[in-house]
């Protein structure tokens, strides 16, 4: 049996249209709140944000590729 773990980070909108379901996304709600208040947290954090269609295509390709039997992606 093979084990493949997918850890894509933040998954947001579609790559060509930018369409996003923002209703329950706490990152987007945080950004919206910061814009509304005019303040941002003093965090030194890098966000790894990927478009949903890229992530889904990559997971499908990795899952059917026998060359990558075990791994964290």
C-alpha atoms as a PDB file:
ATOM      1  CA  UNK A   1       0.000   0.000   0.000  1.00  0.00           C
ATOM      2  CA  UNK A   2       1.157   3.522  -0.736  1.00  0.00           C
ATOM      3  CA  UNK A   3       0.757   6.574   1.438  1.00  0.00           C
ATOM      4  CA  UNK A   4       0.473  10.014  -0.102  1.00  0.00           C
ATOM      5  CA  UNK A   5      -0.191  13.069   2.026  1.00  0.00           C
ATOM      6  CA  UNK A   6      -1.286  16.318   0.402  1.00  0.00           C
ATOM      7  CA  UNK A   7      -0.686  19.545   2.352  1.00  0.00           C
ATOM      8  CA  UNK A   8      -1.463  22.368  -0.065  1.00  0.00           C
ATOM      9  CA  UNK A   9      -1.722  25.340   2.283  1.00  0.00           C
ATOM     10  CA  UNK A  10      -4.389  27.957   1.540  1.00  0.00           C
ATOM     11  CA  UNK A  11      -6.660  27.089  -1.373  1.00  0.00           C
ATOM     12  CA  UNK A  12      -8.514  30.050  -2.825  1.00  0.00           C
ATOM     13  CA  UNK A  13     -10.147  31.164  -6.090  1.00  0.00           C
ATOM     14  CA  UNK A  14     -10.033  29.751  -9.566  1.00  0.00           C
ATOM     15  CA  UNK A  15      -6.874  30.767 -11.461  1.00  0.00           C
ATOM     16  CA  UNK A  16      -8.398  32.422 -14.526  1.00  0.00           C
ATOM     17  CA  UNK A  17     -11.611  33.926 -13.149  1.00  0.00           C
ATOM     18  CA  UNK A  18     -10.637  34.521  -9.527  1.00  0.00           C
ATOM     19  CA  UNK A  19     -14.068  33.260  -8.465  1.00  0.00           C
ATOM     20  CA  UNK A  20     -14.048  32.324  -4.796  1.00  0.00           C
ATOM     21  CA  UNK A  21     -16.538  31.112  -2.204  1.00  0.00           C
ATOM     22  CA  UNK A  22     -15.817  33.648   0.539  1.00  0.00           C
ATOM     23  CA  UNK A  23     -18.740  32.933   2.885  1.00  0.00           C
ATOM     24  CA  UNK A  24     -16.893  30.648   5.319  1.00  0.00           C
ATOM     25  CA  UNK A  25     -13.248  31.428   4.596  1.00  0.00           C
ATOM     26  CA  UNK A  26     -11.682  32.742   7.792  1.00  0.00           C
ATOM     27  CA  UNK A  27      -8.605  34.107   5.984  1.00  0.00           C
ATOM     28  CA  UNK A  28     -10.759  36.231   3.706  1.00  0.00           C
ATOM     29  CA  UNK A  29     -12.940  37.303   6.632  1.00  0.00           C
ATOM     30  CA  UNK A  30      -9.778  38.389   8.481  1.00  0.00           C
ATOM     31  CA  UNK A  31      -8.604  40.411   5.475  1.00  0.00           C
ATOM     32  CA  UNK A  32     -12.050  41.974   5.104  1.00  0.00           C
ATOM     33  CA  UNK A  33     -12.110  42.915   8.791  1.00  0.00           C
ATOM     34  CA  UNK A  34      -8.642  44.477   8.533  1.00  0.00           C
ATOM     35  CA  UNK A  35      -9.764  46.561   5.558  1.00  0.00           C
ATOM     36  CA  UNK A  36     -12.922  47.671   7.363  1.00  0.00           C
ATOM     37  CA  UNK A  37     -11.019  48.657  10.531  1.00  0.00           C
ATOM     38  CA  UNK A  38      -8.030  50.098   8.739  1.00  0.00           C
ATOM     39  CA  UNK A  39      -5.628  47.979  10.813  1.00  0.00           C
ATOM     40  CA  UNK A  40      -3.594  44.836  10.260  1.00  0.00           C
ATOM     41  CA  UNK A  41      -1.918  42.463  12.708  1.00  0.00           C
ATOM     42  CA  UNK A  42       1.855  42.842  13.035  1.00  0.00           C
ATOM     43  CA  UNK A  43       2.408  39.231  12.002  1.00  0.00           C
ATOM     44  CA  UNK A  44       5.492  38.150  10.118  1.00  0.00           C
ATOM     45  CA  UNK A  45       3.793  35.295   8.281  1.00  0.00           C
ATOM     46  CA  UNK A  46       4.112  34.149   4.693  1.00  0.00           C
ATOM     47  CA  UNK A  47       0.932  32.830   3.180  1.00  0.00           C
ATOM     48  CA  UNK A  48       1.137  29.996   0.678  1.00  0.00           C
ATOM     49  CA  UNK A  49      -1.970  30.591  -1.452  1.00  0.00           C
ATOM     50  CA  UNK A  50      -2.780  28.397  -4.452  1.00  0.00           C
ATOM     51  CA  UNK A  51      -5.733  28.452  -6.882  1.00  0.00           C
ATOM     52  CA  UNK A  52      -8.251  25.648  -6.436  1.00  0.00           C
ATOM     53  CA  UNK A  53      -7.981  24.338 -10.004  1.00  0.00           C
ATOM     54  CA  UNK A  54      -4.174  24.067  -9.757  1.00  0.00           C
ATOM     55  CA  UNK A  55      -4.370  22.141  -6.471  1.00  0.00           C
ATOM     56  CA  UNK A  56      -7.063  19.759  -7.672  1.00  0.00           C
ATOM     57  CA  UNK A  57      -5.210  18.998 -10.927  1.00  0.00           C
ATOM     58  CA  UNK A  58      -1.953  18.420  -9.057  1.00  0.00           C
ATOM     59  CA  UNK A  59      -3.550  16.052  -6.537  1.00  0.00           C
ATOM     60  CA  UNK A  60      -5.129  14.007  -9.327  1.00  0.00           C
ATOM     61  CA  UNK A  61      -1.832  13.779 -11.237  1.00  0.00           C
ATOM     62  CA  UNK A  62       0.155  12.823  -8.138  1.00  0.00           C
ATOM     63  CA  UNK A  63      -2.421  10.273  -7.022  1.00  0.00           C
ATOM     64  CA  UNK A  64      -2.326   8.338 -10.320  1.00  0.00           C
ATOM     65  CA  UNK A  65       1.448   8.614 -10.843  1.00  0.00           C
ATOM     66  CA  UNK A  66       3.176   5.366  -9.852  1.00  0.00           C
ATOM     67  CA  UNK A  67       6.585   7.098  -9.756  1.00  0.00           C
ATOM     68  CA  UNK A  68       5.535   8.921  -6.581  1.00  0.00           C
ATOM     69  CA  UNK A  69       4.587   5.966  -4.396  1.00  0.00           C
ATOM     70  CA  UNK A  70       4.967   7.495  -0.941  1.00  0.00           C
ATOM     71  CA  UNK A  71       5.400  11.113   0.019  1.00  0.00           C
ATOM     72  CA  UNK A  72       4.194  14.372   1.380  1.00  0.00           C
ATOM     73  CA  UNK A  73       3.193  16.909  -1.220  1.00  0.00           C
END
